[in-house]
Amino acid sequence: MTCLICDEPADEVDAGGDYQERACPKCGHYRVTGTALVLMRKHSWCFDVELTREWIEQHQGSGTIPTIDSNQAPRLIDV
C-alpha cells in the first residue's frame, strides 16, 4: 500500500469507517475521509507533502488520529 500524501510505501490500517487510514514512516499515522478523497480526485488535487506532514505532526498526541476531512483537504493541496 502507498501513502496518500507522499506516495511512498505505507501500511494500510483497517479500522473500518468512511475513511482510509495509513501509517507512513515519513508522514506519520493519519486518516483521510472518503469525502475528502472524492474531492481530491474530482479536482485532481495532490497534497502538499511538507505542509501536510506539518499538519499531521501538529495534530499528533491529541489522543485521536489526525483526520483530514473535506474541509481540511483544500488547505493542504499543492498549488
C-alpha atoms as a PDB file:
ATOM      1  CA  MET A   1       0.000   0.000   0.000  1.00  0.00           C
ATOM      2  CA  THR A   2       1.130   3.576  -0.568  1.00  0.00           C
ATOM      3  CA  CYS A   3       0.850   6.759   1.453  1.00  0.00           C
ATOM      4  CA  LEU A   4      -1.989   9.054   0.358  1.00  0.00           C
ATOM      5  CA  ILE A   5       0.267  12.044   0.914  1.00  0.00           C
ATOM      6  CA  CYS A   6       3.765  11.223  -0.351  1.00  0.00           C
ATOM      7  CA  ASP A   7       3.008   8.089  -2.419  1.00  0.00           C
ATOM      8  CA  GLU A   8       5.795   6.151  -0.653  1.00  0.00           C
ATOM      9  CA  PRO A   9       5.216   2.670   0.835  1.00  0.00           C
ATOM     10  CA  ALA A  10       2.956   2.796   3.903  1.00  0.00           C
ATOM     11  CA  ASP A  11       0.922   0.398   5.999  1.00  0.00           C
ATOM     12  CA  GLU A  12      -2.825   0.430   5.495  1.00  0.00           C
ATOM     13  CA  VAL A  13      -4.689   0.300   8.793  1.00  0.00           C
ATOM     14  CA  ASP A  14      -8.087  -1.360   8.517  1.00  0.00           C
ATOM     15  CA  ALA A  15     -10.105   0.371  11.185  1.00  0.00           C
ATOM     16  CA  GLY A  16     -13.435   0.495   9.341  1.00  0.00           C
ATOM     17  CA  GLY A  17     -15.448   3.645   8.817  1.00  0.00           C
ATOM     18  CA  ASP A  18     -15.707   6.068   5.923  1.00  0.00           C
ATOM     19  CA  TYR A  19     -12.016   6.858   5.667  1.00  0.00           C
ATOM     20  CA  GLN A  20      -8.677   5.398   4.688  1.00  0.00           C
ATOM     21  CA  GLU A  21      -6.030   5.137   7.352  1.00  0.00           C
ATOM     22  CA  ARG A  22      -2.287   4.905   6.783  1.00  0.00           C
ATOM     23  CA  ALA A  23       0.859   4.588   8.867  1.00  0.00           C
ATOM     24  CA  CYS A  24       3.679   6.086   6.818  1.00  0.00           C
ATOM     25  CA  PRO A  25       7.270   6.120   8.091  1.00  0.00           C
ATOM     26  CA  LYS A  26       7.719   9.647   6.699  1.00  0.00           C
ATOM     27  CA  CYS A  27       4.269  11.256   7.116  1.00  0.00           C
ATOM     28  CA  GLY A  28       3.055   9.536  10.267  1.00  0.00           C
ATOM     29  CA  HIS A  29      -0.238   7.874  11.213  1.00  0.00           C
ATOM     30  CA  TYR A  30      -3.308   9.620   9.794  1.00  0.00           C
ATOM     31  CA  ARG A  31      -6.755   9.217   8.238  1.00  0.00           C
ATOM     32  CA  VAL A  32      -8.378  10.785   5.176  1.00  0.00           C
ATOM     33  CA  THR A  33     -12.174  10.732   4.961  1.00  0.00           C
ATOM     34  CA  GLY A  34     -13.912   9.253   1.941  1.00  0.00           C
ATOM     35  CA  THR A  35     -15.467  12.631   1.159  1.00  0.00           C
ATOM     36  CA  ALA A  36     -12.029  14.287   1.146  1.00  0.00           C
ATOM     37  CA  LEU A  37     -10.668  11.588  -1.172  1.00  0.00           C
ATOM     38  CA  VAL A  38     -13.566  12.116  -3.607  1.00  0.00           C
ATOM     39  CA  LEU A  39     -12.957  15.879  -3.527  1.00  0.00           C
ATOM     40  CA  MET A  40      -9.230  15.384  -4.160  1.00  0.00           C
ATOM     41  CA  ARG A  41      -9.868  13.082  -7.123  1.00  0.00           C
ATOM     42  CA  LYS A  42     -12.634  15.279  -8.568  1.00  0.00           C
ATOM     43  CA  HIS A  43     -10.303  18.281  -8.732  1.00  0.00           C
ATOM     44  CA  SER A  44      -7.127  16.275  -9.494  1.00  0.00           C
ATOM     45  CA  TRP A  45      -5.573  17.724  -6.351  1.00  0.00           C
ATOM     46  CA  CYS A  46      -2.448  16.380  -4.665  1.00  0.00           C
ATOM     47  CA  PHE A  47      -1.408  17.035  -1.101  1.00  0.00           C
ATOM     48  CA  ASP A  48       1.447  19.450  -0.476  1.00  0.00           C
ATOM     49  CA  VAL A  49       3.715  16.883   1.173  1.00  0.00           C
ATOM     50  CA  GLU A  50       5.614  19.197   3.534  1.00  0.00           C
ATOM     51  CA  LEU A  51       2.540  21.215   4.535  1.00  0.00           C
ATOM     52  CA  THR A  52       0.503  18.070   5.183  1.00  0.00           C
ATOM     53  CA  ARG A  53       3.303  16.423   7.177  1.00  0.00           C
ATOM     54  CA  GLU A  54       3.499  19.549   9.344  1.00  0.00           C
ATOM     55  CA  TRP A  55      -0.275  19.497   9.858  1.00  0.00           C
ATOM     56  CA  ILE A  56      -0.206  15.827  10.884  1.00  0.00           C
ATOM     57  CA  GLU A  57       2.692  16.442  13.259  1.00  0.00           C
ATOM     58  CA  GLN A  58       0.828  19.346  14.896  1.00  0.00           C
ATOM     59  CA  HIS A  59      -2.228  17.138  15.467  1.00  0.00           C
ATOM     60  CA  GLN A  60      -0.471  14.028  16.779  1.00  0.00           C
ATOM     61  CA  GLY A  61      -0.519  13.448  20.502  1.00  0.00           C
ATOM     62  CA  SER A  62      -4.008  14.888  20.891  1.00  0.00           C
ATOM     63  CA  GLY A  63      -5.462  11.488  21.762  1.00  0.00           C
ATOM     64  CA  THR A  64      -7.034  10.991  18.334  1.00  0.00           C
ATOM     65  CA  ILE A  65      -5.597  10.035  14.970  1.00  0.00           C
ATOM     66  CA  PRO A  66      -5.195  13.147  12.770  1.00  0.00           C
ATOM     67  CA  THR A  67      -8.019  13.074  10.228  1.00  0.00           C
ATOM     68  CA  ILE A  68      -8.062  15.076   7.018  1.00  0.00           C
ATOM     69  CA  ASP A  69     -11.665  15.803   6.085  1.00  0.00           C
ATOM     70  CA  SER A  70     -13.236  17.627   3.137  1.00  0.00           C
ATOM     71  CA  ASN A  71     -12.889  20.967   4.955  1.00  0.00           C
ATOM     72  CA  GLN A  72      -9.191  20.494   5.705  1.00  0.00           C
ATOM     73  CA  ALA A  73      -8.110  18.883   2.397  1.00  0.00           C
ATOM     74  CA  PRO A  74      -8.315  22.075   0.251  1.00  0.00           C
ATOM     75  CA  ARG A  75      -5.985  23.815   2.723  1.00  0.00           C
ATOM     76  CA  LEU A  76      -3.340  21.113   2.242  1.00  0.00           C
ATOM     77  CA  ILE A  77      -3.140  20.895  -1.542  1.00  0.00           C
ATOM     78  CA  ASP A  78      -0.121  21.515  -3.736  1.00  0.00           C
ATOM     79  CA  VAL A  79      -0.900  24.643  -5.755  1.00  0.00           C
END
